[in-house]
Amino acid sequence: MDRKAAAKRHALLVEDDDGLRRALQLFLHWRGFDVRSYATLAPALDGCLSNPIDVLVADYRLPDGKGVDVLRRLRAHGWRGRSVLITGASIAELRRDAATTGFDTILEKPLYQLALLAAIGS
């Protein structure tokens, strides 16, 4: 395995909006991340422990639940990576939920690439 492949960081992206998910996936890929992305909560929960993850980027509202549930599962298994919660909802509406889960950053949509870079530590 070459050094570049070994050093690649891994991101888990959970976003139900197809266009935004694709844009974020490309953006993270260009920033050196191997990205696994999901449109709904269920497959993200099923797959979140099976591969390494350095960064979690999750939408708050998903068709089948909340993005905070992915972080809850990861934290329950000792994961301590960077986590970013993105939302189109009012920040005040979800602060309590996000705070009890332990997200590092909450970003409102529309997202700005520089804000996401700062949040994931790149």
N, C-alpha and C. Protein backbone atom coordinates (compact mmCIF):
# COMPACT_ATOMS: atom_id res chain seq x y z
N MET A 1 0.86 -1.19 0.00
CA MET A 1 0.00 0.00 0.00
C MET A 1 0.89 1.23 0.00
N ASP A 2 0.62 2.18 -0.88
CA ASP A 2 1.46 3.37 -0.91
C ASP A 2 1.12 4.32 0.24
N ARG A 3 2.05 5.22 0.52
CA ARG A 3 1.92 6.12 1.67
C ARG A 3 0.70 7.03 1.54
N LYS A 4 0.41 7.51 0.33
CA LYS A 4 -0.73 8.40 0.13
C LYS A 4 -2.05 7.70 0.47
N ALA A 5 -2.20 6.46 0.04
CA ALA A 5 -3.42 5.71 0.34
C ALA A 5 -3.54 5.44 1.83
N ALA A 6 -2.42 5.14 2.48
CA ALA A 6 -2.45 4.86 3.91
C ALA A 6 -2.80 6.10 4.72
N ALA A 7 -2.44 7.28 4.22
CA ALA A 7 -2.67 8.52 4.96
C ALA A 7 -4.05 9.11 4.68
N LYS A 8 -4.80 8.56 3.77
CA LYS A 8 -6.11 9.10 3.41
C LYS A 8 -7.03 9.11 4.62
N ARG A 9 -7.73 10.22 4.78
CA ARG A 9 -8.70 10.32 5.87
C ARG A 9 -10.06 9.84 5.38
N HIS A 10 -10.90 9.44 6.34
CA HIS A 10 -12.18 8.84 6.01
C HIS A 10 -13.32 9.69 6.57
N ALA A 11 -14.31 9.96 5.73
CA ALA A 11 -15.47 10.75 6.14
C ALA A 11 -16.74 9.93 5.93
N LEU A 12 -17.66 10.10 6.87
CA LEU A 12 -19.00 9.54 6.75
C LEU A 12 -19.94 10.72 6.57
N LEU A 13 -20.68 10.73 5.47
CA LEU A 13 -21.59 11.82 5.12
C LEU A 13 -23.01 11.28 5.07
N VAL A 14 -23.91 11.94 5.82
CA VAL A 14 -25.32 11.53 5.83
C VAL A 14 -26.15 12.77 5.51
N GLU A 15 -26.71 12.83 4.30
CA GLU A 15 -27.47 13.99 3.82
C GLU A 15 -28.51 13.50 2.84
N ASP A 16 -29.79 13.85 3.05
CA ASP A 16 -30.86 13.34 2.19
C ASP A 16 -31.04 14.12 0.90
N ASP A 17 -30.56 15.34 0.82
CA ASP A 17 -30.67 16.12 -0.41
C ASP A 17 -29.60 15.63 -1.39
N ASP A 18 -30.05 15.03 -2.50
CA ASP A 18 -29.11 14.41 -3.45
C ASP A 18 -28.06 15.38 -3.96
N GLY A 19 -28.48 16.57 -4.36
CA GLY A 19 -27.54 17.54 -4.91
C GLY A 19 -26.49 17.98 -3.90
N LEU A 20 -26.94 18.29 -2.70
CA LEU A 20 -26.00 18.71 -1.65
C LEU A 20 -25.09 17.56 -1.25
N ARG A 21 -25.64 16.35 -1.15
CA ARG A 21 -24.81 15.20 -0.79
C ARG A 21 -23.71 14.98 -1.83
N ARG A 22 -24.05 15.06 -3.10
CA ARG A 22 -23.04 14.88 -4.15
C ARG A 22 -21.99 15.99 -4.10
N ALA A 23 -22.44 17.22 -3.90
CA ALA A 23 -21.49 18.35 -3.83
C ALA A 23 -20.55 18.19 -2.64
N LEU A 24 -21.09 17.82 -1.49
CA LEU A 24 -20.25 17.64 -0.30
C LEU A 24 -19.31 16.45 -0.47
N GLN A 25 -19.79 15.40 -1.09
CA GLN A 25 -18.95 14.24 -1.33
C GLN A 25 -17.76 14.61 -2.21
N LEU A 26 -18.01 15.34 -3.29
CA LEU A 26 -16.92 15.79 -4.16
C LEU A 26 -15.97 16.73 -3.42
N PHE A 27 -16.52 17.67 -2.68
CA PHE A 27 -15.71 18.63 -1.94
C PHE A 27 -14.79 17.91 -0.96
N LEU A 28 -15.34 16.98 -0.19
CA LEU A 28 -14.52 16.24 0.78
C LEU A 28 -13.49 15.37 0.07
N HIS A 29 -13.87 14.77 -1.04
CA HIS A 29 -12.92 13.96 -1.82
C HIS A 29 -11.75 14.82 -2.29
N TRP A 30 -12.05 16.01 -2.79
CA TRP A 30 -10.99 16.92 -3.25
C TRP A 30 -10.08 17.35 -2.10
N ARG A 31 -10.61 17.32 -0.88
CA ARG A 31 -9.82 17.69 0.30
C ARG A 31 -9.07 16.48 0.88
N GLY A 32 -9.07 15.36 0.18
CA GLY A 32 -8.29 14.21 0.58
C GLY A 32 -9.01 13.15 1.38
N PHE A 33 -10.33 13.21 1.42
CA PHE A 33 -11.10 12.23 2.18
C PHE A 33 -11.61 11.11 1.28
N ASP A 34 -11.60 9.91 1.82
CA ASP A 34 -12.35 8.80 1.25
C ASP A 34 -13.74 8.93 1.87
N VAL A 35 -14.77 9.11 1.05
CA VAL A 35 -16.10 9.46 1.56
C VAL A 35 -17.09 8.32 1.33
N ARG A 36 -17.77 7.93 2.40
CA ARG A 36 -18.93 7.06 2.29
C ARG A 36 -20.13 7.93 2.57
N SER A 37 -21.12 7.89 1.69
CA SER A 37 -22.28 8.77 1.88
C SER A 37 -23.58 7.98 1.82
N TYR A 38 -24.54 8.49 2.59
CA TYR A 38 -25.86 7.87 2.68
C TYR A 38 -26.92 8.95 2.64
N ALA A 39 -28.09 8.60 2.07
CA ALA A 39 -29.21 9.54 1.99
C ALA A 39 -30.16 9.39 3.16
N THR A 40 -30.09 8.27 3.86
CA THR A 40 -31.00 8.02 4.97
C THR A 40 -30.24 7.49 6.18
N LEU A 41 -30.91 7.51 7.30
CA LEU A 41 -30.30 7.13 8.57
C LEU A 41 -30.00 5.64 8.67
N ALA A 42 -30.94 4.79 8.29
CA ALA A 42 -30.80 3.35 8.52
C ALA A 42 -29.50 2.76 7.96
N PRO A 43 -29.16 2.97 6.69
CA PRO A 43 -27.91 2.39 6.20
C PRO A 43 -26.67 3.04 6.83
N ALA A 44 -26.78 4.31 7.19
CA ALA A 44 -25.65 4.97 7.86
C ALA A 44 -25.40 4.33 9.22
N LEU A 45 -26.48 4.05 9.95
CA LEU A 45 -26.33 3.38 11.25
C LEU A 45 -25.77 1.98 11.09
N ASP A 46 -26.22 1.28 10.06
CA ASP A 46 -25.73 -0.08 9.81
C ASP A 46 -24.25 -0.09 9.45
N GLY A 47 -23.79 0.92 8.70
CA GLY A 47 -22.42 0.92 8.21
C GLY A 47 -21.42 1.75 8.98
N CYS A 48 -21.87 2.50 9.97
CA CYS A 48 -20.97 3.47 10.61
C CYS A 48 -19.85 2.83 11.43
N LEU A 49 -20.01 1.60 11.84
CA LEU A 49 -18.97 0.96 12.66
C LEU A 49 -18.10 -0.01 11.87
N SER A 50 -18.44 -0.26 10.61
CA SER A 50 -17.74 -1.28 9.84
C SER A 50 -16.47 -0.78 9.15
N ASN A 51 -16.29 0.53 9.06
CA ASN A 51 -15.11 1.10 8.41
C ASN A 51 -14.58 2.25 9.25
N PRO A 52 -13.29 2.59 9.09
CA PRO A 52 -12.75 3.71 9.86
C PRO A 52 -13.40 5.03 9.46
N ILE A 53 -13.58 5.91 10.44
CA ILE A 53 -14.15 7.24 10.20
C ILE A 53 -13.33 8.25 10.98
N ASP A 54 -12.88 9.28 10.30
CA ASP A 54 -12.18 10.39 10.96
C ASP A 54 -13.11 11.57 11.19
N VAL A 55 -14.06 11.74 10.26
CA VAL A 55 -14.98 12.88 10.29
C VAL A 55 -16.39 12.41 9.98
N LEU A 56 -17.35 12.92 10.75
CA LEU A 56 -18.77 12.69 10.48
C LEU A 56 -19.40 14.02 10.10
N VAL A 57 -20.09 14.05 8.96
CA VAL A 57 -20.89 15.21 8.55
C VAL A 57 -22.30 14.67 8.36
N ALA A 58 -23.24 15.14 9.20
CA ALA A 58 -24.59 14.59 9.17
C ALA A 58 -25.64 15.69 9.18
N ASP A 59 -26.66 15.51 8.37
CA ASP A 59 -27.82 16.40 8.37
C ASP A 59 -28.65 16.09 9.61
N TYR A 60 -29.25 17.12 10.17
CA TYR A 60 -30.07 16.93 11.37
C TYR A 60 -31.35 16.17 11.05
N ARG A 61 -32.07 16.64 10.03
CA ARG A 61 -33.36 16.02 9.67
C ARG A 61 -33.17 15.10 8.47
N LEU A 62 -33.50 13.84 8.67
CA LEU A 62 -33.43 12.85 7.61
C LEU A 62 -34.82 12.21 7.48
N PRO A 63 -35.11 11.60 6.34
CA PRO A 63 -36.45 11.03 6.15
C PRO A 63 -36.83 9.99 7.20
N ASP A 64 -35.84 9.30 7.74
CA ASP A 64 -36.13 8.22 8.69
C ASP A 64 -35.55 8.46 10.09
N GLY A 65 -35.24 9.70 10.41
CA GLY A 65 -34.72 9.99 11.75
C GLY A 65 -33.89 11.25 11.79
N LYS A 66 -32.95 11.28 12.72
CA LYS A 66 -32.09 12.45 12.90
C LYS A 66 -30.62 12.04 12.79
N GLY A 67 -29.83 12.93 12.20
CA GLY A 67 -28.40 12.68 12.06
C GLY A 67 -27.68 12.51 13.38
N VAL A 68 -28.23 13.06 14.45
CA VAL A 68 -27.58 12.93 15.76
C VAL A 68 -27.51 11.46 16.19
N ASP A 69 -28.39 10.62 15.66
CA ASP A 69 -28.38 9.21 16.03
C ASP A 69 -27.12 8.49 15.55
N VAL A 70 -26.54 8.95 14.44
CA VAL A 70 -25.29 8.36 13.97
C VAL A 70 -24.18 8.65 14.97
N LEU A 71 -24.08 9.89 15.42
CA LEU A 71 -23.05 10.24 16.39
C LEU A 71 -23.27 9.51 17.71
N ARG A 72 -24.50 9.37 18.12
CA ARG A 72 -24.78 8.62 19.35
C ARG A 72 -24.23 7.19 19.25
N ARG A 73 -24.46 6.55 18.12
CA ARG A 73 -23.97 5.17 17.95
C ARG A 73 -22.44 5.15 17.95
N LEU A 74 -21.82 6.07 17.23
CA LEU A 74 -20.36 6.11 17.19
C LEU A 74 -19.77 6.37 18.58
N ARG A 75 -20.31 7.35 19.29
CA ARG A 75 -19.80 7.69 20.63
C ARG A 75 -19.98 6.51 21.59
N ALA A 76 -21.09 5.78 21.46
CA ALA A 76 -21.33 4.63 22.33
C ALA A 76 -20.26 3.55 22.15
N HIS A 77 -19.60 3.57 20.99
CA HIS A 77 -18.53 2.61 20.71
C HIS A 77 -17.14 3.24 20.83
N GLY A 78 -17.06 4.40 21.48
CA GLY A 78 -15.77 5.01 21.77
C GLY A 78 -15.18 5.91 20.71
N TRP A 79 -15.92 6.21 19.65
CA TRP A 79 -15.40 7.06 18.58
C TRP A 79 -15.23 8.49 19.08
N ARG A 80 -14.09 9.13 18.73
CA ARG A 80 -13.80 10.49 19.18
C ARG A 80 -13.38 11.42 18.04
N GLY A 81 -13.80 11.13 16.81
CA GLY A 81 -13.44 11.97 15.67
C GLY A 81 -14.20 13.28 15.66
N ARG A 82 -13.93 14.09 14.63
CA ARG A 82 -14.62 15.37 14.45
C ARG A 82 -16.02 15.11 13.91
N SER A 83 -16.97 15.93 14.36
CA SER A 83 -18.35 15.76 13.93
C SER A 83 -18.98 17.11 13.63
N VAL A 84 -19.69 17.16 12.50
CA VAL A 84 -20.35 18.38 12.06
C VAL A 84 -21.81 18.06 11.77
N LEU A 85 -22.69 18.81 12.39
CA LEU A 85 -24.13 18.67 12.16
C LEU A 85 -24.55 19.80 11.24
N ILE A 86 -25.20 19.47 10.12
CA ILE A 86 -25.68 20.49 9.19
C ILE A 86 -27.20 20.49 9.21
N THR A 87 -27.77 21.66 9.00
CA THR A 87 -29.23 21.75 9.10
C THR A 87 -29.79 22.93 8.33
N GLY A 88 -31.00 22.75 7.88
CA GLY A 88 -31.78 23.84 7.32
C GLY A 88 -32.75 24.38 8.36
N ALA A 89 -32.81 23.73 9.51
CA ALA A 89 -33.69 24.15 10.61
C ALA A 89 -33.04 25.28 11.38
N SER A 90 -33.83 25.94 12.18
CA SER A 90 -33.31 26.98 13.04
C SER A 90 -32.31 26.38 14.02
N ILE A 91 -31.19 27.04 14.21
CA ILE A 91 -30.17 26.56 15.13
C ILE A 91 -30.74 26.39 16.54
N ALA A 92 -31.56 27.33 16.97
CA ALA A 92 -32.12 27.26 18.32
C ALA A 92 -32.96 26.00 18.51
N GLU A 93 -33.61 25.55 17.44
CA GLU A 93 -34.48 24.38 17.50
C GLU A 93 -33.71 23.10 17.85
N LEU A 94 -32.46 23.01 17.46
CA LEU A 94 -31.75 21.75 17.65
C LEU A 94 -30.54 21.82 18.56
N ARG A 95 -30.24 22.97 19.11
CA ARG A 95 -29.06 23.10 19.97
C ARG A 95 -29.04 22.09 21.11
N ARG A 96 -30.16 21.91 21.76
CA ARG A 96 -30.23 20.98 22.89
C ARG A 96 -29.90 19.55 22.44
N ASP A 97 -30.51 19.12 21.36
CA ASP A 97 -30.28 17.78 20.85
C ASP A 97 -28.82 17.59 20.47
N ALA A 98 -28.27 18.55 19.77
CA ALA A 98 -26.87 18.46 19.33
C ALA A 98 -25.91 18.51 20.51
N ALA A 99 -26.22 19.35 21.50
CA ALA A 99 -25.34 19.48 22.67
C ALA A 99 -25.29 18.19 23.47
N THR A 100 -26.42 17.53 23.63
CA THR A 100 -26.42 16.29 24.41
C THR A 100 -25.72 15.16 23.66
N THR A 101 -25.63 15.26 22.35
CA THR A 101 -24.96 14.24 21.55
C THR A 101 -23.47 14.51 21.48
N GLY A 102 -23.07 15.77 21.48
CA GLY A 102 -21.65 16.11 21.47
C GLY A 102 -21.08 16.49 20.12
N PHE A 103 -21.91 16.99 19.20
CA PHE A 103 -21.36 17.46 17.93
C PHE A 103 -20.39 18.60 18.18
N ASP A 104 -19.28 18.60 17.46
CA ASP A 104 -18.27 19.65 17.60
C ASP A 104 -18.77 20.97 17.02
N THR A 105 -19.50 20.92 15.93
CA THR A 105 -19.93 22.12 15.21
C THR A 105 -21.32 21.91 14.63
N ILE A 106 -22.10 22.99 14.59
CA ILE A 106 -23.39 23.00 13.90
C ILE A 106 -23.29 24.06 12.81
N LEU A 107 -23.59 23.68 11.58
CA LEU A 107 -23.57 24.61 10.45
C LEU A 107 -24.95 24.67 9.83
N GLU A 108 -25.42 25.89 9.55
CA GLU A 108 -26.70 26.07 8.89
C GLU A 108 -26.52 26.03 7.38
N LYS A 109 -27.54 25.50 6.70
CA LYS A 109 -27.58 25.54 5.24
C LYS A 109 -28.10 26.91 4.82
N PRO A 110 -27.65 27.48 3.75
CA PRO A 110 -26.67 26.92 2.82
C PRO A 110 -25.28 26.87 3.46
N LEU A 111 -24.53 25.84 3.11
CA LEU A 111 -23.20 25.65 3.66
C LEU A 111 -22.17 26.45 2.88
N TYR A 112 -21.18 26.90 3.59
CA TYR A 112 -20.04 27.57 2.98
C TYR A 112 -18.83 26.67 3.15
N GLN A 113 -18.10 26.44 2.06
CA GLN A 113 -17.00 25.49 2.08
C GLN A 113 -15.95 25.83 3.13
N LEU A 114 -15.63 27.10 3.30
CA LEU A 114 -14.62 27.48 4.29
C LEU A 114 -15.07 27.15 5.71
N ALA A 115 -16.36 27.31 5.99
CA ALA A 115 -16.88 26.97 7.31
C ALA A 115 -16.78 25.47 7.55
N LEU A 116 -17.07 24.67 6.52
CA LEU A 116 -16.95 23.22 6.65
C LEU A 116 -15.50 22.82 6.85
N LEU A 117 -14.59 23.42 6.10
CA LEU A 117 -13.17 23.11 6.27
C LEU A 117 -12.70 23.41 7.69
N ALA A 118 -13.10 24.55 8.21
CA ALA A 118 -12.72 24.91 9.58
C ALA A 118 -13.31 23.91 10.58
N ALA A 119 -14.53 23.47 10.33
CA ALA A 119 -15.20 22.56 11.26
C ALA A 119 -14.57 21.18 11.29
N ILE A 120 -14.08 20.71 10.14
CA ILE A 120 -13.48 19.37 10.10
C ILE A 120 -11.99 19.40 10.37
N GLY A 121 -11.45 20.59 10.56
CA GLY A 121 -10.04 20.70 10.92
C GLY A 121 -9.09 20.55 9.76
N SER A 122 -9.51 20.90 8.56
CA SER A 122 -8.64 20.81 7.38
C SER A 122 -8.10 22.15 7.02
